[in-house]
Amino acid sequence: MHVVCKDHVEIAIDEFVDEYEEAPDVVDLLKTHFANWEPPSHCEHCQELARFLVV
């Protein structure tokens, strides 16, 4: 699972494919809310606002 900004979403997809050898689902965090989980507010690669969840 990767939480990333718009600039790093391609990197996160590549990392996911390298690890799991299948295509991930990409969830837009601005359009989706979770009942029991609060996503990190910042990208795991930089300090920009986290925008996508790659799972």
PDB file of N, CA and C in Angstrom:
ATOM      1  N   MET A   1       0.850  -1.170   0.000  1.00  0.00           N
ATOM      2  CA  MET A   1       0.000   0.000   0.000  1.00  0.00           C
ATOM      3  C   MET A   1       0.892   1.228   0.000  1.00  0.00           C
ATOM      4  N   HIS A   2       0.583   2.180  -0.859  1.00  0.00           N
ATOM      5  CA  HIS A   2       1.342   3.412  -0.959  1.00  0.00           C
ATOM      6  C   HIS A   2       0.370   4.591  -0.940  1.00  0.00           C
ATOM      7  N   VAL A   3       0.732   5.619  -0.193  1.00  0.00           N
ATOM      8  CA  VAL A   3      -0.044   6.855  -0.156  1.00  0.00           C
ATOM      9  C   VAL A   3       0.862   7.935  -0.736  1.00  0.00           C
ATOM     10  N   VAL A   4       0.449   8.497  -1.875  1.00  0.00           N
ATOM     11  CA  VAL A   4       1.334   9.391  -2.616  1.00  0.00           C
ATOM     12  C   VAL A   4       0.607  10.609  -3.183  1.00  0.00           C
ATOM     13  N   CYS A   5       1.420  11.592  -3.577  1.00  0.00           N
ATOM     14  CA  CYS A   5       0.894  12.783  -4.239  1.00  0.00           C
ATOM     15  C   CYS A   5       0.746  12.510  -5.740  1.00  0.00           C
ATOM     16  N   LYS A   6       0.229  13.480  -6.450  1.00  0.00           N
ATOM     17  CA  LYS A   6       0.021  13.345  -7.891  1.00  0.00           C
ATOM     18  C   LYS A   6       1.343  13.116  -8.622  1.00  0.00           C
ATOM     19  N   ASP A   7       2.423  13.751  -8.169  1.00  0.00           N
ATOM     20  CA  ASP A   7       3.719  13.635  -8.846  1.00  0.00           C
ATOM     21  C   ASP A   7       4.360  12.260  -8.676  1.00  0.00           C
ATOM     22  N   HIS A   8       4.016  11.536  -7.617  1.00  0.00           N
ATOM     23  CA  HIS A   8       4.667  10.262  -7.333  1.00  0.00           C
ATOM     24  C   HIS A   8       3.772   9.038  -7.563  1.00  0.00           C
ATOM     25  N   VAL A   9       2.606   9.217  -8.148  1.00  0.00           N
ATOM     26  CA  VAL A   9       1.689   8.096  -8.342  1.00  0.00           C
ATOM     27  C   VAL A   9       2.270   7.059  -9.306  1.00  0.00           C
ATOM     28  N   GLU A  10       2.974   7.477 -10.344  1.00  0.00           N
ATOM     29  CA  GLU A  10       3.565   6.523 -11.283  1.00  0.00           C
ATOM     30  C   GLU A  10       4.650   5.682 -10.613  1.00  0.00           C
ATOM     31  N   ILE A  11       5.438   6.295  -9.752  1.00  0.00           N
ATOM     32  CA  ILE A  11       6.471   5.569  -9.012  1.00  0.00           C
ATOM     33  C   ILE A  11       5.827   4.524  -8.108  1.00  0.00           C
ATOM     34  N   ALA A  12       4.747   4.910  -7.420  1.00  0.00           N
ATOM     35  CA  ALA A  12       4.056   3.991  -6.518  1.00  0.00           C
ATOM     36  C   ALA A  12       3.459   2.809  -7.288  1.00  0.00           C
ATOM     37  N   ILE A  13       2.918   3.066  -8.464  1.00  0.00           N
ATOM     38  CA  ILE A  13       2.368   1.985  -9.291  1.00  0.00           C
ATOM     39  C   ILE A  13       3.488   1.030  -9.699  1.00  0.00           C
ATOM     40  N   ASP A  14       4.620   1.575 -10.136  1.00  0.00           N
ATOM     41  CA  ASP A  14       5.759   0.735 -10.519  1.00  0.00           C
ATOM     42  C   ASP A  14       6.250  -0.106  -9.345  1.00  0.00           C
ATOM     43  N   GLU A  15       6.347   0.493  -8.163  1.00  0.00           N
ATOM     44  CA  GLU A  15       6.789  -0.237  -6.970  1.00  0.00           C
ATOM     45  C   GLU A  15       5.822  -1.369  -6.636  1.00  0.00           C
ATOM     46  N   PHE A  16       4.514  -1.093  -6.749  1.00  0.00           N
ATOM     47  CA  PHE A  16       3.506  -2.109  -6.465  1.00  0.00           C
ATOM     48  C   PHE A  16       3.627  -3.275  -7.445  1.00  0.00           C
ATOM     49  N   VAL A  17       3.745  -2.972  -8.734  1.00  0.00           N
ATOM     50  CA  VAL A  17       3.853  -4.013  -9.755  1.00  0.00           C
ATOM     51  C   VAL A  17       5.123  -4.832  -9.540  1.00  0.00           C
ATOM     52  N   ASP A  18       6.229  -4.170  -9.212  1.00  0.00           N
ATOM     53  CA  ASP A  18       7.478  -4.893  -8.951  1.00  0.00           C
ATOM     54  C   ASP A  18       7.331  -5.855  -7.780  1.00  0.00           C
ATOM     55  N   GLU A  19       6.604  -5.433  -6.754  1.00  0.00           N
ATOM     56  CA  GLU A  19       6.471  -6.258  -5.552  1.00  0.00           C
ATOM     57  C   GLU A  19       5.438  -7.383  -5.713  1.00  0.00           C
ATOM     58  N   TYR A  20       4.284  -7.067  -6.286  1.00  0.00           N
ATOM     59  CA  TYR A  20       3.173  -8.029  -6.322  1.00  0.00           C
ATOM     60  C   TYR A  20       2.926  -8.646  -7.702  1.00  0.00           C
ATOM     61  N   GLU A  21       3.573  -8.143  -8.734  1.00  0.00           N
ATOM     62  CA  GLU A  21       3.440  -8.636 -10.099  1.00  0.00           C
ATOM     63  C   GLU A  21       1.996  -8.627 -10.606  1.00  0.00           C
ATOM     64  N   GLU A  22       1.268  -7.616 -10.212  1.00  0.00           N
ATOM     65  CA  GLU A  22      -0.085  -7.390 -10.730  1.00  0.00           C
ATOM     66  C   GLU A  22      -0.406  -5.905 -10.633  1.00  0.00           C
ATOM     67  N   ALA A  23      -1.392  -5.484 -11.387  1.00  0.00           N
ATOM     68  CA  ALA A  23      -1.764  -4.072 -11.412  1.00  0.00           C
ATOM     69  C   ALA A  23      -2.512  -3.692 -10.133  1.00  0.00           C
ATOM     70  N   PRO A  24      -2.204  -2.524  -9.575  1.00  0.00           N
ATOM     71  CA  PRO A  24      -2.888  -2.087  -8.353  1.00  0.00           C
ATOM     72  C   PRO A  24      -4.192  -1.367  -8.657  1.00  0.00           C
ATOM     73  N   ASP A  25      -4.970  -1.178  -7.616  1.00  0.00           N
ATOM     74  CA  ASP A  25      -6.104  -0.258  -7.668  1.00  0.00           C
ATOM     75  C   ASP A  25      -5.580   1.088  -7.199  1.00  0.00           C
ATOM     76  N   VAL A  26      -6.030   2.156  -7.840  1.00  0.00           N
ATOM     77  CA  VAL A  26      -5.625   3.502  -7.452  1.00  0.00           C
ATOM     78  C   VAL A  26      -6.876   4.239  -6.999  1.00  0.00           C
ATOM     79  N   VAL A  27      -6.859   4.684  -5.737  1.00  0.00           N
ATOM     80  CA  VAL A  27      -8.017   5.337  -5.132  1.00  0.00           C
ATOM     81  C   VAL A  27      -7.704   6.812  -4.927  1.00  0.00           C
ATOM     82  N   ASP A  28      -8.592   7.685  -5.393  1.00  0.00           N
ATOM     83  CA  ASP A  28      -8.428   9.122  -5.197  1.00  0.00           C
ATOM     84  C   ASP A  28      -8.888   9.467  -3.782  1.00  0.00           C
ATOM     85  N   LEU A  29      -7.974   9.902  -2.944  1.00  0.00           N
ATOM     86  CA  LEU A  29      -8.295  10.179  -1.538  1.00  0.00           C
ATOM     87  C   LEU A  29      -9.174  11.416  -1.360  1.00  0.00           C
ATOM     88  N   LEU A  30      -9.270  12.254  -2.384  1.00  0.00           N
ATOM     89  CA  LEU A  30     -10.160  13.415  -2.291  1.00  0.00           C
ATOM     90  C   LEU A  30     -11.616  13.035  -2.529  1.00  0.00           C
ATOM     91  N   LYS A  31     -11.835  11.853  -3.116  1.00  0.00           N
ATOM     92  CA  LYS A  31     -13.200  11.412  -3.429  1.00  0.00           C
ATOM     93  C   LYS A  31     -13.655  10.234  -2.581  1.00  0.00           C
ATOM     94  N   THR A  32     -12.771   9.689  -1.757  1.00  0.00           N
ATOM     95  CA  THR A  32     -13.088   8.494  -0.979  1.00  0.00           C
ATOM     96  C   THR A  32     -12.797   8.735   0.497  1.00  0.00           C
ATOM     97  N   HIS A  33     -13.700   8.278   1.349  1.00  0.00           N
ATOM     98  CA  HIS A  33     -13.494   8.378   2.791  1.00  0.00           C
ATOM     99  C   HIS A  33     -13.632   6.989   3.390  1.00  0.00           C
ATOM    100  N   PHE A  34     -12.840   6.720   4.423  1.00  0.00           N
ATOM    101  CA  PHE A  34     -12.838   5.418   5.061  1.00  0.00           C
ATOM    102  C   PHE A  34     -13.405   5.539   6.471  1.00  0.00           C
ATOM    103  N   ALA A  35     -14.199   4.566   6.865  1.00  0.00           N
ATOM    104  CA  ALA A  35     -14.849   4.602   8.173  1.00  0.00           C
ATOM    105  C   ALA A  35     -13.866   4.368   9.321  1.00  0.00           C
ATOM    106  N   ASN A  36     -12.926   3.451   9.156  1.00  0.00           N
ATOM    107  CA  ASN A  36     -12.048   3.066  10.261  1.00  0.00           C
ATOM    108  C   ASN A  36     -10.574   3.340  10.009  1.00  0.00           C
ATOM    109  N   TRP A  37     -10.244   4.172   9.037  1.00  0.00           N
ATOM    110  CA  TRP A  37      -8.849   4.454   8.727  1.00  0.00           C
ATOM    111  C   TRP A  37      -8.697   5.877   8.233  1.00  0.00           C
ATOM    112  N   GLU A  38      -7.753   6.578   8.784  1.00  0.00           N
ATOM    113  CA  GLU A  38      -7.434   7.934   8.346  1.00  0.00           C
ATOM    114  C   GLU A  38      -6.110   7.868   7.584  1.00  0.00           C
ATOM    115  N   PRO A  39      -6.113   8.143   6.279  1.00  0.00           N
ATOM    116  CA  PRO A  39      -4.867   8.049   5.514  1.00  0.00           C
ATOM    117  C   PRO A  39      -3.870   9.122   5.945  1.00  0.00           C
ATOM    118  N   PRO A  40      -2.589   8.864   5.751  1.00  0.00           N
ATOM    119  CA  PRO A  40      -1.588   9.890   6.050  1.00  0.00           C
ATOM    120  C   PRO A  40      -1.869  11.151   5.232  1.00  0.00           C
ATOM    121  N   SER A  41      -1.527  12.288   5.765  1.00  0.00           N
ATOM    122  CA  SER A  41      -1.821  13.545   5.075  1.00  0.00           C
ATOM    123  C   SER A  41      -0.762  13.921   4.050  1.00  0.00           C
ATOM    124  N   HIS A  42       0.435  13.306   4.140  1.00  0.00           N
ATOM    125  CA  HIS A  42       1.521  13.657   3.230  1.00  0.00           C
ATOM    126  C   HIS A  42       1.991  12.448   2.429  1.00  0.00           C
ATOM    127  N   CYS A  43       2.494  12.724   1.252  1.00  0.00           N
ATOM    128  CA  CYS A  43       3.064  11.718   0.363  1.00  0.00           C
ATOM    129  C   CYS A  43       4.223  11.005   1.053  1.00  0.00           C
ATOM    130  N   GLU A  44       4.361   9.711   0.794  1.00  0.00           N
ATOM    131  CA  GLU A  44       5.470   8.957   1.396  1.00  0.00           C
ATOM    132  C   GLU A  44       6.810   9.273   0.749  1.00  0.00           C
ATOM    133  N   HIS A  45       6.807   9.986  -0.386  1.00  0.00           N
ATOM    134  CA  HIS A  45       8.052  10.335  -1.076  1.00  0.00           C
ATOM    135  C   HIS A  45       8.454  11.798  -0.897  1.00  0.00           C
ATOM    136  N   CYS A  46       7.527  12.645  -0.471  1.00  0.00           N
ATOM    137  CA  CYS A  46       7.821  14.069  -0.297  1.00  0.00           C
ATOM    138  C   CYS A  46       6.833  14.655   0.722  1.00  0.00           C
ATOM    139  N   GLN A  47       6.803  15.941   0.848  1.00  0.00           N
ATOM    140  CA  GLN A  47       5.921  16.583   1.821  1.00  0.00           C
ATOM    141  C   GLN A  47       4.645  17.160   1.207  1.00  0.00           C
ATOM    142  N   GLU A  48       4.376  16.809  -0.040  1.00  0.00           N
ATOM    143  CA  GLU A  48       3.147  17.281  -0.702  1.00  0.00           C
ATOM    144  C   GLU A  48       1.929  16.558  -0.118  1.00  0.00           C
ATOM    145  N   LEU A  49       0.770  17.115  -0.366  1.00  0.00           N
ATOM    146  CA  LEU A  49      -0.494  16.536   0.080  1.00  0.00           C
ATOM    147  C   LEU A  49      -0.694  15.165  -0.556  1.00  0.00           C
ATOM    148  N   ALA A  50      -1.018  14.163   0.261  1.00  0.00           N
ATOM    149  CA  ALA A  50      -1.293  12.818  -0.245  1.00  0.00           C
ATOM    150  C   ALA A  50      -2.602  12.845  -1.026  1.00  0.00           C
ATOM    151  N   ARG A  51      -2.589  12.331  -2.231  1.00  0.00           N
ATOM    152  CA  ARG A  51      -3.761  12.401  -3.096  1.00  0.00           C
ATOM    153  C   ARG A  51      -4.278  11.019  -3.483  1.00  0.00           C
ATOM    154  N   PHE A  52      -3.369  10.022  -3.600  1.00  0.00           N
ATOM    155  CA  PHE A  52      -3.779   8.715  -4.090  1.00  0.00           C
ATOM    156  C   PHE A  52      -3.330   7.598  -3.162  1.00  0.00           C
ATOM    157  N   LEU A  53      -4.166   6.583  -3.068  1.00  0.00           N
ATOM    158  CA  LEU A  53      -3.857   5.350  -2.357  1.00  0.00           C
ATOM    159  C   LEU A  53      -3.682   4.285  -3.439  1.00  0.00           C
ATOM    160  N   VAL A  54      -2.520   3.649  -3.453  1.00  0.00           N
ATOM    161  CA  VAL A  54      -2.212   2.613  -4.442  1.00  0.00           C
ATOM    162  C   VAL A  54      -2.191   1.281  -3.687  1.00  0.00           C
ATOM    163  N   VAL A  55      -3.182   0.429  -3.975  1.00  0.00           N
ATOM    164  CA  VAL A  55      -3.323  -0.860  -3.278  1.00  0.00           C
ATOM    165  C   VAL A  55      -3.574  -1.997  -4.250  1.00  0.00           C
TER     166      VAL A  55
END
